[in-house]
Amino acid sequence: MSNNPTFFDQVYEVVRHIPYGRVSTYGAIARCLGAAGSARMVGWAMNTSHTQMPPVPAHRVVNRNGLLTGKHHFGSPDAMQQLLEAEGIVVKNNQVQQFETLFWDPAKELEL
């Protein structure tokens, strides 16, 4: 990362830390970065994350209720769900099951 990372760069860095088999939310990532009202900006960052190196596991970012609201940005309607299921996450009706158990809070897990 450069000396002056953009907000999007900071989002990508947080998302790269979400562990395999866990999920976080747009709002939790925004709060972790000191921008509590910027959940939508985190979503925009996820929409443009697919070309980033190192890769950004954007499929691990869902809305505050565990819904796959960003799924239409993954090339096919089922790609986000398939990526999550490949990590052992159960998704039903576009919603992560056992969301509270799988939720990863970057504000508690990272020291930024």
N, C-alpha and C. Protein backbone atom coordinates (compact mmCIF):
# COMPACT_ATOMS: atom_id res chain seq x y z
N MET A 1 0.84 -1.18 0.00
CA MET A 1 0.00 0.00 0.00
C MET A 1 0.88 1.24 0.00
N SER A 2 0.39 2.29 -0.62
CA SER A 2 1.18 3.52 -0.68
C SER A 2 1.17 4.21 0.67
N ASN A 3 1.95 5.28 0.77
CA ASN A 3 2.02 6.03 2.03
C ASN A 3 0.70 6.72 2.37
N ASN A 4 -0.09 7.05 1.36
CA ASN A 4 -1.39 7.70 1.56
C ASN A 4 -2.49 6.85 0.93
N PRO A 5 -2.84 5.75 1.58
CA PRO A 5 -3.86 4.87 0.99
C PRO A 5 -5.22 5.56 0.92
N THR A 6 -5.93 5.30 -0.17
CA THR A 6 -7.28 5.82 -0.31
C THR A 6 -8.22 5.05 0.62
N PHE A 7 -9.44 5.56 0.78
CA PHE A 7 -10.44 4.85 1.57
C PHE A 7 -10.65 3.45 1.00
N PHE A 8 -10.73 3.35 -0.33
CA PHE A 8 -10.92 2.04 -0.95
C PHE A 8 -9.76 1.11 -0.61
N ASP A 9 -8.53 1.61 -0.67
CA ASP A 9 -7.35 0.80 -0.31
C ASP A 9 -7.46 0.29 1.12
N GLN A 10 -7.91 1.16 2.02
CA GLN A 10 -8.07 0.77 3.43
C GLN A 10 -9.15 -0.30 3.56
N VAL A 11 -10.23 -0.16 2.82
CA VAL A 11 -11.29 -1.18 2.84
C VAL A 11 -10.73 -2.51 2.36
N TYR A 12 -10.01 -2.50 1.25
CA TYR A 12 -9.45 -3.74 0.70
C TYR A 12 -8.54 -4.42 1.72
N GLU A 13 -7.75 -3.63 2.43
CA GLU A 13 -6.84 -4.20 3.42
C GLU A 13 -7.61 -4.88 4.55
N VAL A 14 -8.68 -4.26 5.02
CA VAL A 14 -9.50 -4.87 6.08
C VAL A 14 -10.13 -6.16 5.56
N VAL A 15 -10.70 -6.12 4.37
CA VAL A 15 -11.39 -7.29 3.82
C VAL A 15 -10.43 -8.45 3.61
N ARG A 16 -9.19 -8.16 3.26
CA ARG A 16 -8.19 -9.23 3.10
C ARG A 16 -7.93 -9.96 4.41
N HIS A 17 -8.27 -9.36 5.53
CA HIS A 17 -8.06 -9.99 6.84
C HIS A 17 -9.25 -10.85 7.30
N ILE A 18 -10.38 -10.77 6.61
CA ILE A 18 -11.53 -11.59 7.03
C ILE A 18 -11.14 -13.05 6.86
N PRO A 19 -11.20 -13.82 7.93
CA PRO A 19 -10.77 -15.23 7.84
C PRO A 19 -11.65 -16.08 6.93
N TYR A 20 -11.04 -17.09 6.36
CA TYR A 20 -11.75 -18.11 5.58
C TYR A 20 -12.89 -18.65 6.43
N GLY A 21 -14.08 -18.76 5.84
CA GLY A 21 -15.23 -19.31 6.55
C GLY A 21 -15.94 -18.33 7.47
N ARG A 22 -15.60 -17.05 7.40
CA ARG A 22 -16.23 -16.01 8.22
C ARG A 22 -16.73 -14.90 7.31
N VAL A 23 -17.58 -14.04 7.82
CA VAL A 23 -18.10 -12.91 7.06
C VAL A 23 -18.07 -11.65 7.92
N SER A 24 -18.05 -10.52 7.25
CA SER A 24 -18.16 -9.23 7.92
C SER A 24 -19.20 -8.42 7.17
N THR A 25 -19.44 -7.20 7.64
CA THR A 25 -20.47 -6.37 7.02
C THR A 25 -19.88 -5.05 6.53
N TYR A 26 -20.60 -4.43 5.62
CA TYR A 26 -20.19 -3.12 5.10
C TYR A 26 -20.05 -2.13 6.26
N GLY A 27 -21.03 -2.12 7.15
CA GLY A 27 -21.03 -1.18 8.27
C GLY A 27 -19.90 -1.43 9.25
N ALA A 28 -19.63 -2.69 9.55
CA ALA A 28 -18.55 -3.02 10.49
C ALA A 28 -17.20 -2.58 9.94
N ILE A 29 -17.02 -2.75 8.65
CA ILE A 29 -15.77 -2.33 8.02
C ILE A 29 -15.65 -0.81 8.06
N ALA A 30 -16.75 -0.12 7.75
CA ALA A 30 -16.74 1.35 7.80
C ALA A 30 -16.43 1.84 9.22
N ARG A 31 -17.07 1.26 10.23
CA ARG A 31 -16.82 1.66 11.62
C ARG A 31 -15.36 1.43 12.00
N CYS A 32 -14.81 0.31 11.58
CA CYS A 32 -13.41 -0.02 11.88
C CYS A 32 -12.48 1.05 11.33
N LEU A 33 -12.86 1.64 10.20
CA LEU A 33 -12.02 2.65 9.55
C LEU A 33 -12.34 4.06 10.02
N GLY A 34 -13.20 4.17 11.04
CA GLY A 34 -13.53 5.48 11.58
C GLY A 34 -14.49 6.27 10.71
N ALA A 35 -15.26 5.56 9.89
CA ALA A 35 -16.20 6.20 8.97
C ALA A 35 -17.56 5.54 9.10
N ALA A 36 -18.13 5.59 10.30
CA ALA A 36 -19.34 4.85 10.62
C ALA A 36 -20.49 5.05 9.64
N GLY A 37 -20.61 6.20 9.04
CA GLY A 37 -21.71 6.46 8.12
C GLY A 37 -21.41 6.08 6.68
N SER A 38 -20.35 5.34 6.46
CA SER A 38 -19.88 5.09 5.09
C SER A 38 -20.03 3.65 4.62
N ALA A 39 -21.02 2.95 5.12
CA ALA A 39 -21.23 1.56 4.69
C ALA A 39 -21.42 1.48 3.18
N ARG A 40 -22.13 2.43 2.62
CA ARG A 40 -22.36 2.41 1.17
C ARG A 40 -21.05 2.58 0.40
N MET A 41 -20.15 3.41 0.93
CA MET A 41 -18.82 3.57 0.28
C MET A 41 -18.04 2.25 0.32
N VAL A 42 -18.19 1.49 1.41
CA VAL A 42 -17.55 0.18 1.48
C VAL A 42 -18.13 -0.71 0.38
N GLY A 43 -19.43 -0.63 0.17
CA GLY A 43 -20.06 -1.39 -0.91
C GLY A 43 -19.50 -1.01 -2.26
N TRP A 44 -19.32 0.27 -2.49
CA TRP A 44 -18.74 0.72 -3.76
C TRP A 44 -17.32 0.18 -3.92
N ALA A 45 -16.57 0.17 -2.83
CA ALA A 45 -15.22 -0.39 -2.88
C ALA A 45 -15.28 -1.87 -3.26
N MET A 46 -16.24 -2.60 -2.70
CA MET A 46 -16.37 -4.02 -3.02
C MET A 46 -16.72 -4.20 -4.49
N ASN A 47 -17.54 -3.31 -5.04
CA ASN A 47 -17.93 -3.41 -6.45
C ASN A 47 -16.75 -3.30 -7.38
N THR A 48 -15.69 -2.61 -6.97
CA THR A 48 -14.52 -2.42 -7.83
C THR A 48 -13.32 -3.23 -7.36
N SER A 49 -13.53 -4.16 -6.46
CA SER A 49 -12.41 -4.88 -5.85
C SER A 49 -11.91 -6.07 -6.67
N HIS A 50 -12.64 -6.47 -7.68
CA HIS A 50 -12.34 -7.73 -8.37
C HIS A 50 -11.04 -7.72 -9.17
N THR A 51 -10.46 -6.54 -9.39
CA THR A 51 -9.22 -6.48 -10.16
C THR A 51 -8.01 -6.19 -9.28
N GLN A 52 -8.22 -6.13 -7.98
CA GLN A 52 -7.14 -5.77 -7.06
C GLN A 52 -6.17 -6.92 -6.84
N MET A 53 -4.91 -6.56 -6.63
CA MET A 53 -3.87 -7.52 -6.27
C MET A 53 -3.18 -6.99 -5.03
N PRO A 54 -2.97 -7.82 -4.00
CA PRO A 54 -3.49 -9.19 -3.92
C PRO A 54 -5.02 -9.20 -3.92
N PRO A 55 -5.61 -10.36 -4.24
CA PRO A 55 -7.07 -10.46 -4.35
C PRO A 55 -7.78 -10.04 -3.06
N VAL A 56 -8.99 -9.54 -3.24
CA VAL A 56 -9.85 -9.12 -2.13
C VAL A 56 -11.02 -10.10 -2.06
N PRO A 57 -11.21 -10.81 -0.95
CA PRO A 57 -12.32 -11.77 -0.85
C PRO A 57 -13.66 -11.06 -0.59
N ALA A 58 -14.11 -10.31 -1.59
CA ALA A 58 -15.32 -9.50 -1.46
C ALA A 58 -16.56 -10.34 -1.13
N HIS A 59 -16.54 -11.61 -1.48
CA HIS A 59 -17.69 -12.48 -1.19
C HIS A 59 -17.94 -12.62 0.31
N ARG A 60 -16.96 -12.30 1.13
CA ARG A 60 -17.11 -12.42 2.59
C ARG A 60 -17.75 -11.19 3.22
N VAL A 61 -18.15 -10.21 2.40
CA VAL A 61 -18.77 -8.99 2.92
C VAL A 61 -20.26 -9.01 2.55
N VAL A 62 -21.09 -8.96 3.58
CA VAL A 62 -22.54 -9.03 3.42
C VAL A 62 -23.19 -7.85 4.15
N ASN A 63 -24.50 -7.74 4.05
CA ASN A 63 -25.13 -6.63 4.78
C ASN A 63 -25.32 -6.99 6.25
N ARG A 64 -25.83 -6.06 7.02
CA ARG A 64 -25.92 -6.21 8.48
C ARG A 64 -26.81 -7.36 8.91
N ASN A 65 -27.65 -7.88 8.00
CA ASN A 65 -28.51 -9.02 8.31
C ASN A 65 -27.99 -10.32 7.70
N GLY A 66 -26.80 -10.27 7.12
CA GLY A 66 -26.23 -11.46 6.50
C GLY A 66 -26.72 -11.72 5.09
N LEU A 67 -27.39 -10.74 4.49
CA LEU A 67 -27.90 -10.91 3.13
C LEU A 67 -26.81 -10.66 2.10
N LEU A 68 -26.86 -11.41 1.00
CA LEU A 68 -25.88 -11.28 -0.07
C LEU A 68 -26.28 -10.15 -1.01
N THR A 69 -26.29 -8.94 -0.50
CA THR A 69 -26.78 -7.80 -1.28
C THR A 69 -25.85 -7.43 -2.43
N GLY A 70 -24.60 -7.85 -2.40
CA GLY A 70 -23.66 -7.53 -3.47
C GLY A 70 -23.52 -8.62 -4.51
N LYS A 71 -24.37 -9.62 -4.48
CA LYS A 71 -24.19 -10.79 -5.33
C LYS A 71 -24.24 -10.49 -6.82
N HIS A 72 -24.92 -9.43 -7.22
CA HIS A 72 -25.02 -9.12 -8.65
C HIS A 72 -23.72 -8.56 -9.23
N HIS A 73 -22.70 -8.37 -8.41
CA HIS A 73 -21.40 -7.89 -8.88
C HIS A 73 -20.39 -9.02 -9.07
N PHE A 74 -20.85 -10.26 -9.05
CA PHE A 74 -19.93 -11.40 -9.11
C PHE A 74 -19.98 -12.17 -10.42
N GLY A 75 -20.47 -11.58 -11.49
CA GLY A 75 -20.45 -12.25 -12.78
C GLY A 75 -21.65 -13.12 -13.05
N SER A 76 -22.02 -13.96 -12.10
CA SER A 76 -23.23 -14.77 -12.23
C SER A 76 -24.02 -14.62 -10.93
N PRO A 77 -25.33 -14.81 -11.00
CA PRO A 77 -26.17 -14.59 -9.81
C PRO A 77 -25.83 -15.51 -8.62
N ASP A 78 -25.20 -16.65 -8.89
CA ASP A 78 -24.92 -17.61 -7.83
C ASP A 78 -23.46 -17.64 -7.39
N ALA A 79 -22.60 -16.84 -8.02
CA ALA A 79 -21.16 -16.93 -7.75
C ALA A 79 -20.82 -16.59 -6.30
N MET A 80 -21.40 -15.54 -5.75
CA MET A 80 -21.09 -15.15 -4.37
C MET A 80 -21.48 -16.27 -3.41
N GLN A 81 -22.67 -16.82 -3.59
CA GLN A 81 -23.12 -17.91 -2.73
C GLN A 81 -22.21 -19.12 -2.88
N GLN A 82 -21.81 -19.44 -4.09
CA GLN A 82 -20.94 -20.59 -4.31
C GLN A 82 -19.59 -20.41 -3.63
N LEU A 83 -19.05 -19.20 -3.69
CA LEU A 83 -17.77 -18.93 -3.02
C LEU A 83 -17.90 -19.10 -1.51
N LEU A 84 -18.99 -18.61 -0.94
CA LEU A 84 -19.21 -18.76 0.50
C LEU A 84 -19.40 -20.22 0.87
N GLU A 85 -20.20 -20.93 0.08
CA GLU A 85 -20.46 -22.34 0.37
C GLU A 85 -19.18 -23.17 0.26
N ALA A 86 -18.28 -22.78 -0.64
CA ALA A 86 -17.00 -23.49 -0.78
C ALA A 86 -16.16 -23.35 0.49
N GLU A 87 -16.46 -22.33 1.31
CA GLU A 87 -15.77 -22.12 2.58
C GLU A 87 -16.56 -22.71 3.75
N GLY A 88 -17.63 -23.44 3.45
CA GLY A 88 -18.41 -24.09 4.50
C GLY A 88 -19.52 -23.24 5.08
N ILE A 89 -19.79 -22.10 4.48
CA ILE A 89 -20.85 -21.21 4.97
C ILE A 89 -22.16 -21.61 4.31
N VAL A 90 -23.18 -21.81 5.11
CA VAL A 90 -24.50 -22.19 4.60
C VAL A 90 -25.27 -20.92 4.26
N VAL A 91 -25.80 -20.88 3.03
CA VAL A 91 -26.59 -19.74 2.57
C VAL A 91 -27.95 -20.27 2.12
N LYS A 92 -29.01 -19.67 2.67
CA LYS A 92 -30.38 -20.02 2.27
C LYS A 92 -31.12 -18.74 1.98
N ASN A 93 -31.83 -18.72 0.85
CA ASN A 93 -32.60 -17.53 0.45
C ASN A 93 -31.72 -16.27 0.47
N ASN A 94 -30.52 -16.39 -0.07
CA ASN A 94 -29.57 -15.27 -0.15
C ASN A 94 -29.13 -14.73 1.20
N GLN A 95 -29.21 -15.54 2.25
CA GLN A 95 -28.82 -15.08 3.58
C GLN A 95 -27.90 -16.10 4.25
N VAL A 96 -26.82 -15.58 4.84
CA VAL A 96 -25.89 -16.43 5.58
C VAL A 96 -26.59 -16.97 6.81
N GLN A 97 -26.55 -18.27 6.98
CA GLN A 97 -27.13 -18.91 8.15
C GLN A 97 -26.10 -18.89 9.28
N GLN A 98 -26.58 -18.83 10.50
CA GLN A 98 -25.72 -18.72 11.69
C GLN A 98 -24.82 -17.48 11.57
N PHE A 99 -25.41 -16.41 11.06
CA PHE A 99 -24.68 -15.17 10.81
C PHE A 99 -23.97 -14.66 12.06
N GLU A 100 -24.65 -14.68 13.20
CA GLU A 100 -24.05 -14.15 14.44
C GLU A 100 -22.80 -14.93 14.81
N THR A 101 -22.79 -16.22 14.56
CA THR A 101 -21.63 -17.06 14.88
C THR A 101 -20.48 -16.82 13.91
N LEU A 102 -20.80 -16.57 12.65
CA LEU A 102 -19.79 -16.42 11.61
C LEU A 102 -19.29 -14.99 11.46
N PHE A 103 -19.99 -14.03 12.09
CA PHE A 103 -19.63 -12.62 11.94
C PHE A 103 -18.25 -12.33 12.51
N TRP A 104 -17.43 -11.64 11.73
CA TRP A 104 -16.08 -11.24 12.13
C TRP A 104 -16.06 -9.71 12.20
N ASP A 105 -15.80 -9.19 13.38
CA ASP A 105 -15.82 -7.75 13.61
C ASP A 105 -14.39 -7.21 13.52
N PRO A 106 -14.06 -6.48 12.46
CA PRO A 106 -12.69 -6.01 12.31
C PRO A 106 -12.27 -5.05 13.43
N ALA A 107 -13.19 -4.32 14.02
CA ALA A 107 -12.83 -3.40 15.08
C ALA A 107 -12.31 -4.14 16.31
N LYS A 108 -12.77 -5.36 16.51
CA LYS A 108 -12.31 -6.17 17.64
C LYS A 108 -11.11 -7.04 17.27
N GLU A 109 -10.98 -7.39 16.00
CA GLU A 109 -9.95 -8.34 15.57
C GLU A 109 -8.67 -7.68 15.06
N LEU A 110 -8.78 -6.44 14.60
CA LEU A 110 -7.62 -5.77 14.01
C LEU A 110 -7.20 -4.57 14.86
N GLU A 111 -5.94 -4.29 14.79
CA GLU A 111 -5.45 -3.07 15.42
C GLU A 111 -4.96 -2.17 14.30
N LEU A 112 -5.82 -1.27 13.85
CA LEU A 112 -5.46 -0.38 12.73
C LEU A 112 -5.14 1.01 13.23
